[in-house]
Amino acid sequence: MSMLRKVKTGVPGFDILTAGGIPAGRSTLIVGRSGTGKTVFGLQTACNLARAGVKTIVVGIEESADDLVATGDGLGFNVQQLRA
């Protein structure tokens, strides 16, 4: 039996709970009610991967790109710098 290769998200606790992160080479859908942290999780994961040299994209349905940058920067993720 082969082990599923994982990509670490860099989100404290999440990589432990998921035995290594999100599956490599696959799409991962994060779902939940409003206010459960989906956007913050996506921003934090994307920023951590970008810092590691992985090209990332964040698709926001209800927020504009500027709102996503402001949210991430407000949490100390330095999105504007990574975006540049």
Protein backbone atom coordinates (compact mmCIF):
# COMPACT_ATOMS: atom_id res chain seq x y z
CA MET A 1 0.00 0.00 0.00
CA SER A 2 1.46 3.39 -0.98
CA MET A 3 1.21 6.46 1.22
CA LEU A 4 -0.45 9.57 -0.12
CA ARG A 5 2.15 12.31 -0.55
CA LYS A 6 1.24 15.45 1.41
CA VAL A 7 2.12 19.15 1.22
CA LYS A 8 2.55 20.92 4.54
CA THR A 9 0.27 23.95 4.89
CA GLY A 10 2.31 25.56 7.65
CA VAL A 11 -0.90 26.13 9.60
CA PRO A 12 -0.20 25.23 13.25
CA GLY A 13 -1.98 22.03 14.22
CA PHE A 14 -3.56 21.40 10.82
CA ASP A 15 -0.63 19.45 9.40
CA ILE A 16 -0.62 17.28 12.53
CA LEU A 17 -4.37 16.60 12.36
CA THR A 18 -4.16 15.65 8.68
CA ALA A 19 -1.04 13.49 9.04
CA GLY A 20 1.13 15.81 6.98
CA GLY A 21 -1.00 18.45 5.26
CA ILE A 22 -3.08 18.51 2.09
CA PRO A 23 -2.75 15.85 -0.63
CA ALA A 24 -0.08 16.76 -3.20
CA GLY A 25 -1.25 17.16 -6.80
CA ARG A 26 -4.93 17.20 -5.91
CA SER A 27 -7.55 19.87 -5.46
CA THR A 28 -8.61 20.49 -1.88
CA LEU A 29 -11.99 22.02 -1.09
CA ILE A 30 -12.44 23.71 2.27
CA VAL A 31 -16.10 24.08 3.27
CA GLY A 32 -17.98 25.46 6.23
CA ARG A 33 -20.41 28.09 7.36
CA SER A 34 -19.67 31.78 7.25
CA GLY A 35 -17.11 32.81 9.84
CA THR A 36 -15.50 29.40 10.33
CA GLY A 37 -12.09 30.49 9.02
CA LYS A 38 -12.05 29.20 5.44
CA THR A 39 -10.64 32.41 3.99
CA VAL A 40 -8.03 32.82 6.71
CA PHE A 41 -6.99 29.17 6.31
CA GLY A 42 -6.67 29.63 2.53
CA LEU A 43 -4.69 32.86 2.87
CA GLN A 44 -2.37 31.43 5.52
CA THR A 45 -1.76 28.26 3.52
CA ALA A 46 -1.17 30.16 0.27
CA CYS A 47 1.27 32.56 1.97
CA ASN A 48 3.20 29.74 3.62
CA LEU A 49 3.47 27.88 0.29
CA ALA A 50 4.47 31.08 -1.56
CA ARG A 51 7.25 31.70 0.97
CA ALA A 52 8.48 28.17 0.20
CA GLY A 53 8.61 29.01 -3.52
CA VAL A 54 5.36 27.28 -4.53
CA LYS A 55 3.17 29.26 -6.93
CA THR A 56 -0.23 29.71 -5.36
CA ILE A 57 -3.61 31.20 -6.15
CA VAL A 58 -6.42 32.22 -3.83
CA VAL A 59 -9.90 32.44 -5.32
CA GLY A 60 -12.25 34.60 -3.30
CA ILE A 61 -15.92 34.46 -4.16
CA GLU A 62 -17.31 37.01 -1.72
CA GLU A 63 -14.26 39.25 -1.20
CA SER A 64 -12.37 41.42 -3.64
CA ALA A 65 -8.64 40.92 -4.18
CA ASP A 66 -7.96 44.09 -2.21
CA ASP A 67 -10.08 42.82 0.71
CA LEU A 68 -8.18 39.50 0.72
CA VAL A 69 -4.85 41.35 0.77
CA ALA A 70 -6.04 43.63 3.59
CA THR A 71 -7.27 40.64 5.62
CA GLY A 72 -4.02 38.73 5.15
CA ASP A 73 -1.83 41.73 5.89
CA GLY A 74 -3.92 42.51 8.96
CA LEU A 75 -3.09 39.04 10.25
CA GLY A 76 0.62 39.48 9.55
CA PHE A 77 0.80 37.21 6.46
CA ASN A 78 2.49 39.93 4.33
CA VAL A 79 0.23 39.18 1.36
CA GLN A 80 1.01 42.45 -0.44
CA GLN A 81 4.72 41.68 -0.39
CA LEU A 82 4.18 38.10 -1.61
CA ARG A 83 1.75 39.31 -4.26
CA ALA A 84 4.38 41.65 -5.69
